[in-house]
């Protein structure tokens, strides 16, 4: 009987250790979104200013965006793994100049799209693009 109790305690300790280590890894990964170098370089873009511009222009009202506080809306498509996507709006190759143009004036690129033109400046769009290209 004692052997069985010890075995259960050992199993419990092992489970606690696994859960603790797994949780630590998950938490450390959560802090990495938007803090590493972009997979695709955006000349002149600043990742942290991009994160701030995302909030300032209300992108969080429609999109889920990893690493941006309260950006968990489901009106527009999630912007998760942005750097790995092949297309913007289903037609444009996912390249910085196209993304910047889309962010500045999506209605010009795809008239009638649900994404509004938000008054984002070219500099802000460059920064937002720099942030989005950190998401993989």
C-alpha atoms as a PDB file:
ATOM      1  CA  UNK A   1       0.000   0.000   0.000  1.00  0.00           C
ATOM      2  CA  UNK A   2       2.817   2.426   0.866  1.00  0.00           C
ATOM      3  CA  UNK A   3       4.502   1.765  -2.476  1.00  0.00           C
ATOM      4  CA  UNK A   4       1.284   2.692  -4.323  1.00  0.00           C
ATOM      5  CA  UNK A   5       0.904   5.954  -2.357  1.00  0.00           C
ATOM      6  CA  UNK A   6       4.522   6.896  -3.041  1.00  0.00           C
ATOM      7  CA  UNK A   7       4.000   6.136  -6.714  1.00  0.00           C
ATOM      8  CA  UNK A   8       0.937   8.389  -6.814  1.00  0.00           C
ATOM      9  CA  UNK A   9       2.852  11.194  -5.094  1.00  0.00           C
ATOM     10  CA  UNK A  10       5.732  10.839  -7.525  1.00  0.00           C
ATOM     11  CA  UNK A  11       3.313  10.958 -10.453  1.00  0.00           C
ATOM     12  CA  UNK A  12       1.640  14.032  -8.974  1.00  0.00           C
ATOM     13  CA  UNK A  13       4.986  15.791  -8.552  1.00  0.00           C
ATOM     14  CA  UNK A  14       5.913  14.950 -12.124  1.00  0.00           C
ATOM     15  CA  UNK A  15       2.587  16.308 -13.428  1.00  0.00           C
ATOM     16  CA  UNK A  16       3.030  19.535 -11.425  1.00  0.00           C
ATOM     17  CA  UNK A  17       6.539  19.923 -12.837  1.00  0.00           C
ATOM     18  CA  UNK A  18       5.359  19.356 -16.424  1.00  0.00           C
ATOM     19  CA  UNK A  19       2.456  21.801 -16.069  1.00  0.00           C
ATOM     20  CA  UNK A  20       4.698  24.412 -14.442  1.00  0.00           C
ATOM     21  CA  UNK A  21       7.359  24.161 -17.139  1.00  0.00           C
ATOM     22  CA  UNK A  22       4.750  24.172 -19.895  1.00  0.00           C
ATOM     23  CA  UNK A  23       3.102  27.249 -18.423  1.00  0.00           C
ATOM     24  CA  UNK A  24       6.436  29.034 -18.137  1.00  0.00           C
ATOM     25  CA  UNK A  25       7.208  28.307 -21.777  1.00  0.00           C
ATOM     26  CA  UNK A  26       3.776  29.511 -22.860  1.00  0.00           C
ATOM     27  CA  UNK A  27       4.081  32.742 -20.875  1.00  0.00           C
ATOM     28  CA  UNK A  28       7.530  33.445 -22.223  1.00  0.00           C
ATOM     29  CA  UNK A  29       6.261  32.936 -25.772  1.00  0.00           C
ATOM     30  CA  UNK A  30       3.344  35.319 -25.186  1.00  0.00           C
ATOM     31  CA  UNK A  31       5.736  38.115 -24.409  1.00  0.00           C
ATOM     32  CA  UNK A  32       7.607  37.574 -27.656  1.00  0.00           C
ATOM     33  CA  UNK A  33       4.907  38.732 -30.078  1.00  0.00           C
ATOM     34  CA  UNK A  34       5.979  41.941 -31.711  1.00  0.00           C
ATOM     35  CA  UNK A  35       9.238  42.174 -29.795  1.00  0.00           C
ATOM     36  CA  UNK A  36      11.552  40.360 -32.146  1.00  0.00           C
ATOM     37  CA  UNK A  37      12.915  41.410 -35.491  1.00  0.00           C
ATOM     38  CA  UNK A  38      10.438  41.400 -38.377  1.00  0.00           C
ATOM     39  CA  UNK A  39      10.635  38.429 -40.720  1.00  0.00           C
ATOM     40  CA  UNK A  40      10.166  40.884 -43.567  1.00  0.00           C
ATOM     41  CA  UNK A  41      12.006  44.186 -43.224  1.00  0.00           C
ATOM     42  CA  UNK A  42      10.076  47.424 -43.622  1.00  0.00           C
ATOM     43  CA  UNK A  43      12.608  50.197 -44.276  1.00  0.00           C
ATOM     44  CA  UNK A  44      12.008  53.059 -41.860  1.00  0.00           C
ATOM     45  CA  UNK A  45       9.383  51.121 -39.899  1.00  0.00           C
ATOM     46  CA  UNK A  46       9.419  51.006 -36.104  1.00  0.00           C
ATOM     47  CA  UNK A  47       7.807  47.978 -34.445  1.00  0.00           C
ATOM     48  CA  UNK A  48       6.879  49.662 -31.149  1.00  0.00           C
ATOM     49  CA  UNK A  49       5.427  52.749 -32.863  1.00  0.00           C
ATOM     50  CA  UNK A  50       3.485  50.320 -35.058  1.00  0.00           C
ATOM     51  CA  UNK A  51       1.951  48.635 -32.014  1.00  0.00           C
ATOM     52  CA  UNK A  52       0.961  52.071 -30.680  1.00  0.00           C
ATOM     53  CA  UNK A  53      -0.512  53.145 -34.037  1.00  0.00           C
ATOM     54  CA  UNK A  54      -2.583  49.943 -34.161  1.00  0.00           C
ATOM     55  CA  UNK A  55      -4.231  50.966 -30.903  1.00  0.00           C
ATOM     56  CA  UNK A  56      -4.493  54.677 -31.788  1.00  0.00           C
ATOM     57  CA  UNK A  57      -6.286  53.985 -35.077  1.00  0.00           C
ATOM     58  CA  UNK A  58      -8.707  51.485 -33.560  1.00  0.00           C
ATOM     59  CA  UNK A  59      -7.490  48.393 -35.404  1.00  0.00           C
ATOM     60  CA  UNK A  60      -8.223  46.486 -32.191  1.00  0.00           C
ATOM     61  CA  UNK A  61     -11.934  47.198 -32.721  1.00  0.00           C
ATOM     62  CA  UNK A  62     -12.060  44.744 -35.605  1.00  0.00           C
ATOM     63  CA  UNK A  63      -8.997  42.490 -35.508  1.00  0.00           C
ATOM     64  CA  UNK A  64      -7.342  39.960 -33.268  1.00  0.00           C
ATOM     65  CA  UNK A  65      -3.682  40.999 -33.173  1.00  0.00           C
ATOM     66  CA  UNK A  66      -1.194  39.041 -31.070  1.00  0.00           C
ATOM     67  CA  UNK A  67       0.855  41.126 -28.674  1.00  0.00           C
ATOM     68  CA  UNK A  68      -1.542  44.087 -28.681  1.00  0.00           C
ATOM     69  CA  UNK A  69      -3.575  44.527 -25.532  1.00  0.00           C
ATOM     70  CA  UNK A  70      -7.353  44.089 -25.971  1.00  0.00           C
ATOM     71  CA  UNK A  71      -6.928  43.233 -29.659  1.00  0.00           C
ATOM     72  CA  UNK A  72      -9.245  40.250 -29.670  1.00  0.00           C
ATOM     73  CA  UNK A  73     -12.127  41.422 -31.866  1.00  0.00           C
ATOM     74  CA  UNK A  74     -13.620  39.182 -34.493  1.00  0.00           C
ATOM     75  CA  UNK A  75     -15.177  41.647 -36.928  1.00  0.00           C
ATOM     76  CA  UNK A  76     -12.324  41.517 -39.442  1.00  0.00           C
ATOM     77  CA  UNK A  77      -9.917  38.657 -40.036  1.00  0.00           C
ATOM     78  CA  UNK A  78      -7.372  37.874 -37.339  1.00  0.00           C
ATOM     79  CA  UNK A  79      -3.911  39.223 -38.126  1.00  0.00           C
ATOM     80  CA  UNK A  80      -2.170  36.256 -36.536  1.00  0.00           C
ATOM     81  CA  UNK A  81       0.857  34.847 -38.357  1.00  0.00           C
ATOM     82  CA  UNK A  82       0.805  37.855 -40.664  1.00  0.00           C
ATOM     83  CA  UNK A  83       4.395  37.437 -41.846  1.00  0.00           C
ATOM     84  CA  UNK A  84       3.579  33.957 -43.165  1.00  0.00           C
ATOM     85  CA  UNK A  85       0.626  35.008 -45.319  1.00  0.00           C
ATOM     86  CA  UNK A  86       0.930  35.079 -49.062  1.00  0.00           C
ATOM     87  CA  UNK A  87      -1.763  37.652 -49.892  1.00  0.00           C
ATOM     88  CA  UNK A  88      -3.326  40.851 -48.620  1.00  0.00           C
ATOM     89  CA  UNK A  89      -7.085  41.128 -49.186  1.00  0.00           C
ATOM     90  CA  UNK A  90      -6.922  37.896 -51.153  1.00  0.00           C
ATOM     91  CA  UNK A  91      -5.217  39.400 -54.211  1.00  0.00           C
ATOM     92  CA  UNK A  92      -2.121  41.484 -53.421  1.00  0.00           C
ATOM     93  CA  UNK A  93       1.173  39.714 -52.743  1.00  0.00           C
ATOM     94  CA  UNK A  94       2.076  40.190 -49.081  1.00  0.00           C
ATOM     95  CA  UNK A  95       4.923  42.651 -49.533  1.00  0.00           C
ATOM     96  CA  UNK A  96       5.630  45.805 -47.503  1.00  0.00           C
ATOM     97  CA  UNK A  97       4.729  48.309 -50.216  1.00  0.00           C
ATOM     98  CA  UNK A  98       1.373  46.595 -50.809  1.00  0.00           C
ATOM     99  CA  UNK A  99       0.602  46.330 -47.095  1.00  0.00           C
ATOM    100  CA  UNK A 100       1.442  50.002 -46.544  1.00  0.00           C
ATOM    101  CA  UNK A 101      -0.823  51.019 -49.446  1.00  0.00           C
ATOM    102  CA  UNK A 102      -3.615  48.788 -48.091  1.00  0.00           C
ATOM    103  CA  UNK A 103      -3.358  50.254 -44.587  1.00  0.00           C
ATOM    104  CA  UNK A 104      -3.416  53.834 -45.930  1.00  0.00           C
ATOM    105  CA  UNK A 105      -6.349  53.410 -48.308  1.00  0.00           C
ATOM    106  CA  UNK A 106      -7.994  49.982 -48.493  1.00  0.00           C
ATOM    107  CA  UNK A 107     -10.998  51.397 -50.356  1.00  0.00           C
ATOM    108  CA  UNK A 108      -8.762  52.435 -53.252  1.00  0.00           C
ATOM    109  CA  UNK A 109      -7.370  48.924 -53.549  1.00  0.00           C
ATOM    110  CA  UNK A 110     -10.640  47.058 -53.013  1.00  0.00           C
ATOM    111  CA  UNK A 111     -13.663  49.356 -53.347  1.00  0.00           C
ATOM    112  CA  UNK A 112     -16.442  48.312 -51.007  1.00  0.00           C
ATOM    113  CA  UNK A 113     -14.214  46.362 -48.637  1.00  0.00           C
ATOM    114  CA  UNK A 114     -15.384  46.360 -45.040  1.00  0.00           C
ATOM    115  CA  UNK A 115     -12.041  47.835 -43.980  1.00  0.00           C
ATOM    116  CA  UNK A 116     -12.443  51.603 -43.684  1.00  0.00           C
ATOM    117  CA  UNK A 117      -9.908  54.236 -44.604  1.00  0.00           C
ATOM    118  CA  UNK A 118      -8.762  55.401 -41.168  1.00  0.00           C
ATOM    119  CA  UNK A 119      -6.530  58.377 -41.942  1.00  0.00           C
ATOM    120  CA  UNK A 120      -3.324  56.462 -41.317  1.00  0.00           C
ATOM    121  CA  UNK A 121      -0.291  58.422 -42.510  1.00  0.00           C
ATOM    122  CA  UNK A 122       2.387  56.770 -44.662  1.00  0.00           C
ATOM    123  CA  UNK A 123       4.779  56.838 -41.679  1.00  0.00           C
ATOM    124  CA  UNK A 124       2.228  55.189 -39.381  1.00  0.00           C
ATOM    125  CA  UNK A 125       1.404  52.599 -42.047  1.00  0.00           C
ATOM    126  CA  UNK A 126       5.110  51.774 -42.360  1.00  0.00           C
ATOM    127  CA  UNK A 127       5.310  51.306 -38.584  1.00  0.00           C
ATOM    128  CA  UNK A 128       2.147  49.162 -38.485  1.00  0.00           C
ATOM    129  CA  UNK A 129       3.550  47.011 -41.299  1.00  0.00           C
ATOM    130  CA  UNK A 130       6.818  46.610 -39.372  1.00  0.00           C
ATOM    131  CA  UNK A 131       4.830  45.338 -36.385  1.00  0.00           C
ATOM    132  CA  UNK A 132       2.657  42.968 -38.424  1.00  0.00           C
ATOM    133  CA  UNK A 133       5.728  41.402 -40.021  1.00  0.00           C
ATOM    134  CA  UNK A 134       6.908  40.285 -36.558  1.00  0.00           C
ATOM    135  CA  UNK A 135       3.863  38.006 -36.299  1.00  0.00           C
ATOM    136  CA  UNK A 136       4.737  34.492 -37.384  1.00  0.00           C
END
